[in-house]
C-alpha cells in the first residue's frame, strides 16, 4: 500500500538557557494512505512536537535537528516557506490544540471561509458548494456563515474550524488534541463525526490525543509514544489484544471498565520522563515492572511481531507477557 507520509530518522529538540534538549530521537514511521493513525502518550512524550515537525511548523525554541519527512515524494523539511504555503490547506492541513480560539472574533464565519479561499487563489463563488458540503458533514447549519464566533458554542466553533480545514479537500489531515477543553460528550460526537467524514472523503488522518478510549475506538492503526520514542505501533486490533510493550499494556489496563469496581493487577506508577540521551538503556525501564538488569544497559531496537503489522521496542517481549499470565 502507498504511504501518505514517511518519516525517517527524525530528531527534534528545544533550545533553553543551558543548552539544547532532545525531545524526539531518531524516529521512523510510515503511515499508509486513507487510514486513521492515532498517536497517544502521556504529557511530555513528544506528541505535539511530532505533529508540528511533520507539518514543518515548529518554531523557535524548537528545532528539527535532522531527519526527513516525505509527503507525495517531497521532503517537507527541505521546502521553502512559499512551497509549504502552496500545499498547506490544499494538500495537507493541521488542526492544533485550542484551534477554535484562532477564529477572528470580529469577522463573520462566512468571511473567514472566503479568506481561506482567497489565500489559495480559489474562486469564492465556485467554492460556495464546497462550504455548504463541509458544513453539512460536521453537522452545522449554513446559517452560521452569518454569525460571529462568539455567537457559537465551543463545540460549534470547533466543528467550524474542522470544516475550514476540510474545505479545500486535503489529502492529509493532522489533528493535535482537536477537542481539548470540550465537554466529553461533545468531544465524542465530534470525533465520531470526523471518522465518518474520513471514511467518506478517503483522506489520511493523523490523530494525536491522550484520550485512549477515543483513540482505540476510531483509529485503524495506533502508535504509543514515550520519552520521544515510538515504543509500539501497528494495527489497532493487534495493539489492543496482544500488547507487545508493557507501556501500552499498562495504559490499556488503566482505562475504567463498567462493572469492574477494583483492579488488583500491576499498575503504571511513577511520572513520565523526557528523553535522556545520556541513558543507554530502555527509556521506559525506570517505570517498568517487568524490567531486568539488561533493560537498564541496552537500548531496544524496533522489532516486528511475527505475522502481524505490529512493531515494538522491548527487550523482554514475549517473556514479560508470560510473566504477566
C-alpha atoms as a PDB file:
ATOM      1  CA  UNK A   1       0.000   0.000   0.000  1.00  0.00           C
ATOM      2  CA  UNK A   2       1.182   3.560  -0.759  1.00  0.00           C
ATOM      3  CA  UNK A   3       2.373   5.671   2.154  1.00  0.00           C
ATOM      4  CA  UNK A   4       0.746   9.046   2.758  1.00  0.00           C
ATOM      5  CA  UNK A   5       3.685  10.203   4.819  1.00  0.00           C
ATOM      6  CA  UNK A   6       7.071   8.717   5.616  1.00  0.00           C
ATOM      7  CA  UNK A   7       9.253   9.904   8.496  1.00  0.00           C
ATOM      8  CA  UNK A   8      12.929   8.965   8.530  1.00  0.00           C
ATOM      9  CA  UNK A   9      15.394   9.451  11.395  1.00  0.00           C
ATOM     10  CA  UNK A  10      13.572  12.477  12.809  1.00  0.00           C
ATOM     11  CA  UNK A  11      15.388  14.139  15.709  1.00  0.00           C
ATOM     12  CA  UNK A  12      13.878  17.245  17.317  1.00  0.00           C
ATOM     13  CA  UNK A  13      14.787  19.326  20.344  1.00  0.00           C
ATOM     14  CA  UNK A  14      14.356  22.627  22.152  1.00  0.00           C
ATOM     15  CA  UNK A  15      16.829  25.366  22.982  1.00  0.00           C
ATOM     16  CA  UNK A  16      16.880  26.617  26.563  1.00  0.00           C
ATOM     17  CA  UNK A  17      19.176  28.773  28.660  1.00  0.00           C
ATOM     18  CA  UNK A  18      21.576  25.930  29.470  1.00  0.00           C
ATOM     19  CA  UNK A  19      21.743  24.235  26.097  1.00  0.00           C
ATOM     20  CA  UNK A  20      19.717  22.066  23.740  1.00  0.00           C
ATOM     21  CA  UNK A  21      17.481  19.198  24.877  1.00  0.00           C
ATOM     22  CA  UNK A  22      16.443  16.347  22.598  1.00  0.00           C
ATOM     23  CA  UNK A  23      12.699  15.647  22.709  1.00  0.00           C
ATOM     24  CA  UNK A  24      12.361  13.203  19.792  1.00  0.00           C
ATOM     25  CA  UNK A  25      15.258  10.934  18.867  1.00  0.00           C
ATOM     26  CA  UNK A  26      15.699   9.160  15.532  1.00  0.00           C
ATOM     27  CA  UNK A  27      12.001   8.455  14.928  1.00  0.00           C
ATOM     28  CA  UNK A  28      10.982   6.379  11.897  1.00  0.00           C
ATOM     29  CA  UNK A  29       7.383   5.840  10.811  1.00  0.00           C
ATOM     30  CA  UNK A  30       5.392   5.177   7.642  1.00  0.00           C
ATOM     31  CA  UNK A  31       1.663   5.939   7.572  1.00  0.00           C
ATOM     32  CA  UNK A  32      -0.496   4.388   4.856  1.00  0.00           C
ATOM     33  CA  UNK A  33      -2.853   6.386   2.669  1.00  0.00           C
ATOM     34  CA  UNK A  34      -6.524   6.517   3.596  1.00  0.00           C
ATOM     35  CA  UNK A  35      -6.310   5.395   7.228  1.00  0.00           C
ATOM     36  CA  UNK A  36      -6.725   6.970  10.656  1.00  0.00           C
ATOM     37  CA  UNK A  37      -3.441   6.711  12.534  1.00  0.00           C
ATOM     38  CA  UNK A  38      -3.729   7.514  16.234  1.00  0.00           C
ATOM     39  CA  UNK A  39      -0.796   8.608  18.387  1.00  0.00           C
ATOM     40  CA  UNK A  40      -1.100   8.512  22.169  1.00  0.00           C
ATOM     41  CA  UNK A  41       1.150   9.093  25.135  1.00  0.00           C
ATOM     42  CA  UNK A  42       1.365  10.989  28.389  1.00  0.00           C
ATOM     43  CA  UNK A  43       2.090  14.711  28.597  1.00  0.00           C
ATOM     44  CA  UNK A  44       5.666  15.479  27.590  1.00  0.00           C
ATOM     45  CA  UNK A  45       6.084  12.373  25.444  1.00  0.00           C
ATOM     46  CA  UNK A  46       6.671  14.434  22.288  1.00  0.00           C
ATOM     47  CA  UNK A  47       3.284  14.014  20.570  1.00  0.00           C
ATOM     48  CA  UNK A  48       2.654  17.671  19.764  1.00  0.00           C
ATOM     49  CA  UNK A  49       6.278  18.253  18.813  1.00  0.00           C
ATOM     50  CA  UNK A  50       5.986  15.342  16.387  1.00  0.00           C
ATOM     51  CA  UNK A  51       2.810  16.802  14.844  1.00  0.00           C
ATOM     52  CA  UNK A  52       4.378  20.228  14.359  1.00  0.00           C
ATOM     53  CA  UNK A  53       7.548  18.664  12.960  1.00  0.00           C
ATOM     54  CA  UNK A  54       5.855  16.633  10.243  1.00  0.00           C
ATOM     55  CA  UNK A  55       3.850  19.730   9.258  1.00  0.00           C
ATOM     56  CA  UNK A  56       7.112  21.712   9.365  1.00  0.00           C
ATOM     57  CA  UNK A  57       5.513  24.368  11.569  1.00  0.00           C
ATOM     58  CA  UNK A  58       7.764  24.015  14.638  1.00  0.00           C
ATOM     59  CA  UNK A  59       9.020  27.394  15.821  1.00  0.00           C
ATOM     60  CA  UNK A  60      11.925  28.511  17.999  1.00  0.00           C
ATOM     61  CA  UNK A  61      12.915  27.461  20.642  1.00  0.00           C
ATOM     62  CA  UNK A  62      12.037  24.194  18.892  1.00  0.00           C
ATOM     63  CA  UNK A  63      14.396  22.954  16.188  1.00  0.00           C
ATOM     64  CA  UNK A  64      14.405  19.963  13.857  1.00  0.00           C
ATOM     65  CA  UNK A  65      17.984  18.766  14.181  1.00  0.00           C
ATOM     66  CA  UNK A  66      17.870  16.098  11.485  1.00  0.00           C
ATOM     67  CA  UNK A  67      15.622  13.760   9.532  1.00  0.00           C
ATOM     68  CA  UNK A  68      13.302  13.667   6.546  1.00  0.00           C
ATOM     69  CA  UNK A  69       9.521  13.845   6.224  1.00  0.00           C
ATOM     70  CA  UNK A  70       8.240  12.728   2.817  1.00  0.00           C
ATOM     71  CA  UNK A  71       4.796  13.710   1.544  1.00  0.00           C
ATOM     72  CA  UNK A  72       3.913  12.807  -2.047  1.00  0.00           C
ATOM     73  CA  UNK A  73       7.584  12.130  -2.710  1.00  0.00           C
ATOM     74  CA  UNK A  74       8.788  15.526  -1.465  1.00  0.00           C
ATOM     75  CA  UNK A  75      10.749  16.208   1.719  1.00  0.00           C
ATOM     76  CA  UNK A  76       8.664  18.756   3.642  1.00  0.00           C
ATOM     77  CA  UNK A  77      11.654  19.750   5.760  1.00  0.00           C
ATOM     78  CA  UNK A  78      13.525  20.988   2.692  1.00  0.00           C
ATOM     79  CA  UNK A  79      10.675  23.071   1.287  1.00  0.00           C
ATOM     80  CA  UNK A  80      10.755  26.871   1.295  1.00  0.00           C
ATOM     81  CA  UNK A  81       8.044  28.889   3.036  1.00  0.00           C
ATOM     82  CA  UNK A  82       6.398  29.634  -0.312  1.00  0.00           C
ATOM     83  CA  UNK A  83       6.401  25.956  -1.299  1.00  0.00           C
ATOM     84  CA  UNK A  84       4.860  24.995   2.049  1.00  0.00           C
ATOM     85  CA  UNK A  85       2.242  27.720   1.736  1.00  0.00           C
ATOM     86  CA  UNK A  86       1.107  26.304  -1.598  1.00  0.00           C
ATOM     87  CA  UNK A  87       0.424  22.807  -0.233  1.00  0.00           C
ATOM     88  CA  UNK A  88      -0.932  23.700   3.199  1.00  0.00           C
ATOM     89  CA  UNK A  89      -4.731  23.589   3.429  1.00  0.00           C
ATOM     90  CA  UNK A  90      -4.832  22.372  -0.186  1.00  0.00           C
ATOM     91  CA  UNK A  91      -2.902  19.082   0.097  1.00  0.00           C
ATOM     92  CA  UNK A  92      -2.396  18.829   3.851  1.00  0.00           C
ATOM     93  CA  UNK A  93      -3.795  20.626   6.868  1.00  0.00           C
ATOM     94  CA  UNK A  94      -3.108  20.845  10.599  1.00  0.00           C
ATOM     95  CA  UNK A  95      -5.640  21.451  13.373  1.00  0.00           C
ATOM     96  CA  UNK A  96      -3.666  22.338  16.543  1.00  0.00           C
ATOM     97  CA  UNK A  97      -4.754  22.395  20.163  1.00  0.00           C
ATOM     98  CA  UNK A  98      -7.389  25.027  21.003  1.00  0.00           C
ATOM     99  CA  UNK A  99      -7.795  25.755  17.283  1.00  0.00           C
ATOM    100  CA  UNK A 100     -11.258  27.232  17.827  1.00  0.00           C
ATOM    101  CA  UNK A 101      -9.620  30.176  19.597  1.00  0.00           C
ATOM    102  CA  UNK A 102      -7.917  31.096  16.306  1.00  0.00           C
ATOM    103  CA  UNK A 103     -11.204  32.245  14.774  1.00  0.00           C
ATOM    104  CA  UNK A 104     -11.217  36.001  14.130  1.00  0.00           C
ATOM    105  CA  UNK A 105     -13.672  37.463  16.682  1.00  0.00           C
ATOM    106  CA  UNK A 106     -14.574  40.483  14.513  1.00  0.00           C
ATOM    107  CA  UNK A 107     -15.299  38.615  11.278  1.00  0.00           C
ATOM    108  CA  UNK A 108     -18.326  36.558  10.351  1.00  0.00           C
ATOM    109  CA  UNK A 109     -17.731  32.847   9.776  1.00  0.00           C
ATOM    110  CA  UNK A 110     -18.579  33.128   6.073  1.00  0.00           C
ATOM    111  CA  UNK A 111     -15.981  35.858   5.570  1.00  0.00           C
ATOM    112  CA  UNK A 112     -13.357  33.684   7.244  1.00  0.00           C
ATOM    113  CA  UNK A 113     -14.147  30.830   4.864  1.00  0.00           C
ATOM    114  CA  UNK A 114     -13.729  33.269   1.978  1.00  0.00           C
ATOM    115  CA  UNK A 115     -10.367  34.414   3.356  1.00  0.00           C
ATOM    116  CA  UNK A 116      -9.115  30.823   3.146  1.00  0.00           C
ATOM    117  CA  UNK A 117     -10.261  30.513  -0.456  1.00  0.00           C
ATOM    118  CA  UNK A 118      -8.711  33.837  -1.468  1.00  0.00           C
ATOM    119  CA  UNK A 119      -5.406  32.986   0.199  1.00  0.00           C
ATOM    120  CA  UNK A 120      -5.124  29.921  -2.037  1.00  0.00           C
ATOM    121  CA  UNK A 121      -6.316  31.570  -5.235  1.00  0.00           C
ATOM    122  CA  UNK A 122      -9.712  29.853  -5.350  1.00  0.00           C
ATOM    123  CA  UNK A 123     -12.859  31.315  -6.855  1.00  0.00           C
ATOM    124  CA  UNK A 124     -15.151  32.191  -3.941  1.00  0.00           C
ATOM    125  CA  UNK A 125     -18.358  31.790  -5.955  1.00  0.00           C
ATOM    126  CA  UNK A 126     -17.359  28.398  -7.357  1.00  0.00           C
ATOM    127  CA  UNK A 127     -16.434  27.081  -3.897  1.00  0.00           C
ATOM    128  CA  UNK A 128     -19.679  28.021  -2.133  1.00  0.00           C
ATOM    129  CA  UNK A 129     -20.974  24.485  -2.661  1.00  0.00           C
ATOM    130  CA  UNK A 130     -17.805  23.114  -1.037  1.00  0.00           C
ATOM    131  CA  UNK A 131     -18.512  25.271   2.005  1.00  0.00           C
ATOM    132  CA  UNK A 132     -22.086  24.004   2.193  1.00  0.00           C
ATOM    133  CA  UNK A 133     -20.873  20.416   1.866  1.00  0.00           C
ATOM    134  CA  UNK A 134     -18.303  20.586   4.674  1.00  0.00           C
ATOM    135  CA  UNK A 135     -20.749  22.355   6.988  1.00  0.00           C
ATOM    136  CA  UNK A 136     -23.225  19.550   6.388  1.00  0.00           C
ATOM    137  CA  UNK A 137     -20.521  16.969   7.106  1.00  0.00           C
ATOM    138  CA  UNK A 138     -19.750  18.495  10.505  1.00  0.00           C
ATOM    139  CA  UNK A 139     -23.484  18.904  11.218  1.00  0.00           C
ATOM    140  CA  UNK A 140     -23.630  22.699  11.193  1.00  0.00           C
ATOM    141  CA  UNK A 141     -26.425  24.754   9.573  1.00  0.00           C
ATOM    142  CA  UNK A 142     -25.425  27.100   6.769  1.00  0.00           C
ATOM    143  CA  UNK A 143     -26.890  29.974   8.804  1.00  0.00           C
ATOM    144  CA  UNK A 144     -23.727  30.066  10.932  1.00  0.00           C
ATOM    145  CA  UNK A 145     -21.942  31.697   7.983  1.00  0.00           C
ATOM    146  CA  UNK A 146     -23.651  34.926   9.082  1.00  0.00           C
ATOM    147  CA  UNK A 147     -22.593  34.522  12.735  1.00  0.00           C
ATOM    148  CA  UNK A 148     -19.584  35.803  14.626  1.00  0.00           C
ATOM    149  CA  UNK A 149     -17.529  33.235  16.599  1.00  0.00           C
ATOM    150  CA  UNK A 150     -18.803  34.466  19.990  1.00  0.00           C
ATOM    151  CA  UNK A 151     -22.340  33.586  18.922  1.00  0.00           C
ATOM    152  CA  UNK A 152     -21.429  29.890  18.675  1.00  0.00           C
ATOM    153  CA  UNK A 153     -20.889  27.319  21.415  1.00  0.00           C
ATOM    154  CA  UNK A 154     -17.454  25.763  21.964  1.00  0.00           C
ATOM    155  CA  UNK A 155     -18.471  22.608  20.122  1.00  0.00           C
ATOM    156  CA  UNK A 156     -19.841  24.597  17.182  1.00  0.00           C
ATOM    157  CA  UNK A 157     -16.648  26.666  16.954  1.00  0.00           C
ATOM    158  CA  UNK A 158     -14.562  23.505  16.913  1.00  0.00           C
ATOM    159  CA  UNK A 159     -16.747  21.991  14.193  1.00  0.00           C
ATOM    160  CA  UNK A 160     -16.348  25.241  12.241  1.00  0.00           C
ATOM    161  CA  UNK A 161     -12.557  25.005  12.427  1.00  0.00           C
ATOM    162  CA  UNK A 162     -12.704  21.399  11.221  1.00  0.00           C
ATOM    163  CA  UNK A 163     -14.945  22.445   8.315  1.00  0.00           C
ATOM    164  CA  UNK A 164     -12.472  25.191   7.399  1.00  0.00           C
ATOM    165  CA  UNK A 165      -9.632  22.676   7.435  1.00  0.00           C
ATOM    166  CA  UNK A 166     -11.529  20.392   5.052  1.00  0.00           C
ATOM    167  CA  UNK A 167     -12.985  22.937   2.617  1.00  0.00           C
ATOM    168  CA  UNK A 168     -10.134  22.528   0.099  1.00  0.00           C
ATOM    169  CA  UNK A 169     -10.270  18.700   0.299  1.00  0.00           C
ATOM    170  CA  UNK A 170      -6.764  17.981   1.666  1.00  0.00           C
ATOM    171  CA  UNK A 171      -5.246  14.513   1.340  1.00  0.00           C
ATOM    172  CA  UNK A 172      -3.671  14.579   4.812  1.00  0.00           C
ATOM    173  CA  UNK A 173      -5.260  15.961   7.990  1.00  0.00           C
ATOM    174  CA  UNK A 174      -3.229  16.222  11.210  1.00  0.00           C
ATOM    175  CA  UNK A 175      -5.160  16.827  14.430  1.00  0.00           C
ATOM    176  CA  UNK A 176      -3.390  17.614  17.705  1.00  0.00           C
ATOM    177  CA  UNK A 177      -5.792  17.243  20.649  1.00  0.00           C
ATOM    178  CA  UNK A 178      -8.592  18.718  18.486  1.00  0.00           C
ATOM    179  CA  UNK A 179     -11.252  18.623  21.208  1.00  0.00           C
ATOM    180  CA  UNK A 180      -9.289  19.829  24.247  1.00  0.00           C
ATOM    181  CA  UNK A 181     -11.486  21.717  26.708  1.00  0.00           C
ATOM    182  CA  UNK A 182     -14.797  20.492  25.326  1.00  0.00           C
ATOM    183  CA  UNK A 183     -17.473  18.554  27.179  1.00  0.00           C
ATOM    184  CA  UNK A 184     -16.757  14.822  26.980  1.00  0.00           C
ATOM    185  CA  UNK A 185     -19.993  14.055  25.101  1.00  0.00           C
ATOM    186  CA  UNK A 186     -19.376  16.868  22.602  1.00  0.00           C
ATOM    187  CA  UNK A 187     -15.818  15.601  22.181  1.00  0.00           C
ATOM    188  CA  UNK A 188     -17.032  12.081  21.443  1.00  0.00           C
ATOM    189  CA  UNK A 189     -19.619  13.265  18.911  1.00  0.00           C
ATOM    190  CA  UNK A 190     -17.088  15.421  17.046  1.00  0.00           C
ATOM    191  CA  UNK A 191     -14.515  12.636  16.794  1.00  0.00           C
ATOM    192  CA  UNK A 192     -17.078  10.062  15.678  1.00  0.00           C
ATOM    193  CA  UNK A 193     -18.251  12.518  13.007  1.00  0.00           C
ATOM    194  CA  UNK A 194     -14.635  13.034  11.946  1.00  0.00           C
ATOM    195  CA  UNK A 195     -14.272   9.315  11.385  1.00  0.00           C
ATOM    196  CA  UNK A 196     -17.416   9.287   9.228  1.00  0.00           C
ATOM    197  CA  UNK A 197     -16.070  12.206   7.177  1.00  0.00           C
ATOM    198  CA  UNK A 198     -12.694  10.496   6.776  1.00  0.00           C
ATOM    199  CA  UNK A 199     -14.369   7.329   5.538  1.00  0.00           C
ATOM    200  CA  UNK A 200     -16.464   9.310   3.057  1.00  0.00           C
ATOM    201  CA  UNK A 201     -13.651  11.533   1.739  1.00  0.00           C
ATOM    202  CA  UNK A 202     -10.837   8.975   1.960  1.00  0.00           C
ATOM    203  CA  UNK A 203      -8.121  11.287   3.261  1.00  0.00           C
ATOM    204  CA  UNK A 204      -5.371  10.194   5.650  1.00  0.00           C
ATOM    205  CA  UNK A 205      -5.855  11.349   9.230  1.00  0.00           C
ATOM    206  CA  UNK A 206      -3.266  11.536  11.999  1.00  0.00           C
ATOM    207  CA  UNK A 207      -4.974  11.918  15.365  1.00  0.00           C
ATOM    208  CA  UNK A 208      -2.901  12.897  18.398  1.00  0.00           C
ATOM    209  CA  UNK A 209      -4.516  12.684  21.816  1.00  0.00           C
ATOM    210  CA  UNK A 210      -4.144  11.429  25.368  1.00  0.00           C
ATOM    211  CA  UNK A 211      -7.716  10.073  25.359  1.00  0.00           C
ATOM    212  CA  UNK A 212      -7.061   6.375  24.874  1.00  0.00           C
ATOM    213  CA  UNK A 213     -10.680   5.251  24.825  1.00  0.00           C
ATOM    214  CA  UNK A 214     -11.482   7.549  21.882  1.00  0.00           C
ATOM    215  CA  UNK A 215      -8.281   6.609  20.082  1.00  0.00           C
ATOM    216  CA  UNK A 216      -8.946   2.886  20.376  1.00  0.00           C
ATOM    217  CA  UNK A 217     -12.469   3.477  19.050  1.00  0.00           C
ATOM    218  CA  UNK A 218     -11.754   5.483  15.892  1.00  0.00           C
ATOM    219  CA  UNK A 219      -8.212   4.564  14.778  1.00  0.00           C
ATOM    220  CA  UNK A 220      -7.175   1.969  12.204  1.00  0.00           C
ATOM    221  CA  UNK A 221      -3.589   1.923  13.449  1.00  0.00           C
ATOM    222  CA  UNK A 222      -2.048   3.144  16.700  1.00  0.00           C
ATOM    223  CA  UNK A 223       1.301   4.415  17.887  1.00  0.00           C
ATOM    224  CA  UNK A 224       2.364   4.822  21.526  1.00  0.00           C
ATOM    225  CA  UNK A 225       4.953   7.492  22.338  1.00  0.00           C
ATOM    226  CA  UNK A 226       7.109   7.587  25.440  1.00  0.00           C
ATOM    227  CA  UNK A 227      10.059   9.921  26.059  1.00  0.00           C
ATOM    228  CA  UNK A 228      10.279  10.908  22.414  1.00  0.00           C
ATOM    229  CA  UNK A 229      10.202   7.382  21.007  1.00  0.00           C
ATOM    230  CA  UNK A 230       7.574   5.158  19.440  1.00  0.00           C
ATOM    231  CA  UNK A 231       7.516   2.271  21.885  1.00  0.00           C
ATOM    232  CA  UNK A 232       4.920   0.334  19.894  1.00  0.00           C
ATOM    233  CA  UNK A 233       2.741   0.792  16.818  1.00  0.00           C
ATOM    234  CA  UNK A 234       0.602  -1.263  14.482  1.00  0.00           C
ATOM    235  CA  UNK A 235      -2.930  -2.368  13.640  1.00  0.00           C
ATOM    236  CA  UNK A 236      -5.479  -1.449  16.283  1.00  0.00           C
ATOM    237  CA  UNK A 237      -6.798  -4.957  16.933  1.00  0.00           C
ATOM    238  CA  UNK A 238      -3.326  -6.381  17.421  1.00  0.00           C
ATOM    239  CA  UNK A 239      -2.323  -3.497  19.690  1.00  0.00           C
ATOM    240  CA  UNK A 240      -5.393  -3.959  21.885  1.00  0.00           C
ATOM    241  CA  UNK A 241      -5.497  -7.758  22.051  1.00  0.00           C
ATOM    242  CA  UNK A 242      -1.773  -8.525  22.064  1.00  0.00           C
ATOM    243  CA  UNK A 243       0.277  -5.692  23.553  1.00  0.00           C
ATOM    244  CA  UNK A 244       3.967  -6.255  22.906  1.00  0.00           C
ATOM    245  CA  UNK A 245       5.227  -3.387  25.072  1.00  0.00           C
ATOM    246  CA  UNK A 246       4.448  -3.004  28.803  1.00  0.00           C
ATOM    247  CA  UNK A 247       3.648   0.697  28.383  1.00  0.00           C
ATOM    248  CA  UNK A 248       0.734   0.069  26.013  1.00  0.00           C
ATOM    249  CA  UNK A 249      -0.433  -2.855  28.136  1.00  0.00           C
ATOM    250  CA  UNK A 250      -0.470  -0.843  31.371  1.00  0.00           C
ATOM    251  CA  UNK A 251      -2.177   2.137  29.740  1.00  0.00           C
ATOM    252  CA  UNK A 252      -4.893  -0.200  28.464  1.00  0.00           C
ATOM    253  CA  UNK A 253      -5.349  -1.564  31.974  1.00  0.00           C
ATOM    254  CA  UNK A 254      -5.773   1.979  33.303  1.00  0.00           C
ATOM    255  CA  UNK A 255      -8.970   2.599  31.300  1.00  0.00           C
ATOM    256  CA  UNK A 256     -12.003   2.283  33.643  1.00  0.00           C
ATOM    257  CA  UNK A 257     -14.390  -0.527  32.770  1.00  0.00           C
ATOM    258  CA  UNK A 258     -18.082  -0.715  33.544  1.00  0.00           C
ATOM    259  CA  UNK A 259     -18.791  -3.332  36.204  1.00  0.00           C
ATOM    260  CA  UNK A 260     -15.185  -3.568  37.429  1.00  0.00           C
ATOM    261  CA  UNK A 261     -15.030  -1.942  40.856  1.00  0.00           C
ATOM    262  CA  UNK A 262     -11.370  -2.618  41.578  1.00  0.00           C
ATOM    263  CA  UNK A 263      -8.315  -3.693  39.606  1.00  0.00           C
ATOM    264  CA  UNK A 264      -5.769  -5.665  41.636  1.00  0.00           C
ATOM    265  CA  UNK A 265      -3.153  -6.235  38.940  1.00  0.00           C
ATOM    266  CA  UNK A 266       0.102  -4.429  38.196  1.00  0.00           C
ATOM    267  CA  UNK A 267      -0.352  -0.695  37.675  1.00  0.00           C
ATOM    268  CA  UNK A 268       1.559   2.003  35.826  1.00  0.00           C
ATOM    269  CA  UNK A 269       3.314   4.039  38.510  1.00  0.00           C
ATOM    270  CA  UNK A 270       5.740   6.953  38.550  1.00  0.00           C
ATOM    271  CA  UNK A 271       5.890  10.015  36.340  1.00  0.00           C
ATOM    272  CA  UNK A 272       6.629  10.269  32.604  1.00  0.00           C
ATOM    273  CA  UNK A 273      10.172  11.271  31.743  1.00  0.00           C
ATOM    274  CA  UNK A 274      11.769  13.192  28.894  1.00  0.00           C
ATOM    275  CA  UNK A 275      14.252  11.578  26.555  1.00  0.00           C
ATOM    276  CA  UNK A 276      17.596  11.149  28.352  1.00  0.00           C
ATOM    277  CA  UNK A 277      20.355  10.999  25.737  1.00  0.00           C
ATOM    278  CA  UNK A 278      22.918  10.005  28.385  1.00  0.00           C
ATOM    279  CA  UNK A 279      20.924   6.948  29.440  1.00  0.00           C
ATOM    280  CA  UNK A 280      21.861   3.913  27.351  1.00  0.00           C
ATOM    281  CA  UNK A 281      19.022   1.610  28.355  1.00  0.00           C
ATOM    282  CA  UNK A 282      15.290   1.472  27.660  1.00  0.00           C
ATOM    283  CA  UNK A 283      13.681   4.855  28.336  1.00  0.00           C
ATOM    284  CA  UNK A 284      10.712   3.145  30.000  1.00  0.00           C
ATOM    285  CA  UNK A 285      12.814   0.967  32.312  1.00  0.00           C
ATOM    286  CA  UNK A 286      12.584   3.473  35.204  1.00  0.00           C
ATOM    287  CA  UNK A 287       8.845   2.700  35.445  1.00  0.00           C
ATOM    288  CA  UNK A 288       8.600  -0.800  34.007  1.00  0.00           C
ATOM    289  CA  UNK A 289       7.522  -3.537  36.457  1.00  0.00           C
ATOM    290  CA  UNK A 290       8.909  -6.243  34.130  1.00  0.00           C
ATOM    291  CA  UNK A 291      12.423  -4.867  33.632  1.00  0.00           C
ATOM    292  CA  UNK A 292      15.655  -6.759  34.137  1.00  0.00           C
ATOM    293  CA  UNK A 293      19.201  -5.502  34.613  1.00  0.00           C
ATOM    294  CA  UNK A 294      19.740  -5.729  30.848  1.00  0.00           C
ATOM    295  CA  UNK A 295      16.908  -3.230  30.232  1.00  0.00           C
ATOM    296  CA  UNK A 296      18.906  -0.539  32.024  1.00  0.00           C
ATOM    297  CA  UNK A 297      22.008  -1.187  29.920  1.00  0.00           C
ATOM    298  CA  UNK A 298      20.734  -1.845  26.387  1.00  0.00           C
ATOM    299  CA  UNK A 299      18.559   0.358  24.209  1.00  0.00           C
ATOM    300  CA  UNK A 300      15.916  -1.801  22.454  1.00  0.00           C
ATOM    301  CA  UNK A 301      15.525  -1.593  18.687  1.00  0.00           C
ATOM    302  CA  UNK A 302      12.182  -1.777  16.899  1.00  0.00           C
ATOM    303  CA  UNK A 303      11.159  -5.347  16.105  1.00  0.00           C
ATOM    304  CA  UNK A 304       8.170  -6.860  14.324  1.00  0.00           C
ATOM    305  CA  UNK A 305       5.610  -9.174  15.876  1.00  0.00           C
ATOM    306  CA  UNK A 306       5.548 -12.309  13.668  1.00  0.00           C
ATOM    307  CA  UNK A 307       2.702 -12.393  11.122  1.00  0.00           C
ATOM    308  CA  UNK A 308       1.302  -9.036  12.262  1.00  0.00           C
ATOM    309  CA  UNK A 309       1.545  -5.399  11.166  1.00  0.00           C
ATOM    310  CA  UNK A 310       2.765  -4.651  14.662  1.00  0.00           C
ATOM    311  CA  UNK A 311       6.112  -3.262  15.857  1.00  0.00           C
ATOM    312  CA  UNK A 312       7.534  -2.886  19.350  1.00  0.00           C
ATOM    313  CA  UNK A 313      10.616  -1.698  21.226  1.00  0.00           C
ATOM    314  CA  UNK A 314      11.147  -4.103  24.142  1.00  0.00           C
ATOM    315  CA  UNK A 315      13.960  -6.484  25.113  1.00  0.00           C
ATOM    316  CA  UNK A 316      11.709  -8.723  27.200  1.00  0.00           C
ATOM    317  CA  UNK A 317       8.894  -9.493  24.748  1.00  0.00           C
ATOM    318  CA  UNK A 318       7.389 -12.119  24.780  1.00  0.00           C
ATOM    319  CA  UNK A 319       8.862 -13.102  28.173  1.00  0.00           C
ATOM    320  CA  UNK A 320       7.107 -10.321  30.091  1.00  0.00           C
ATOM    321  CA  UNK A 321       3.752 -11.456  28.630  1.00  0.00           C
ATOM    322  CA  UNK A 322       4.317 -14.963  30.011  1.00  0.00           C
ATOM    323  CA  UNK A 323       5.316 -13.459  33.362  1.00  0.00           C
ATOM    324  CA  UNK A 324       2.073 -11.463  33.487  1.00  0.00           C
ATOM    325  CA  UNK A 325      -0.021 -14.558  32.785  1.00  0.00           C
END
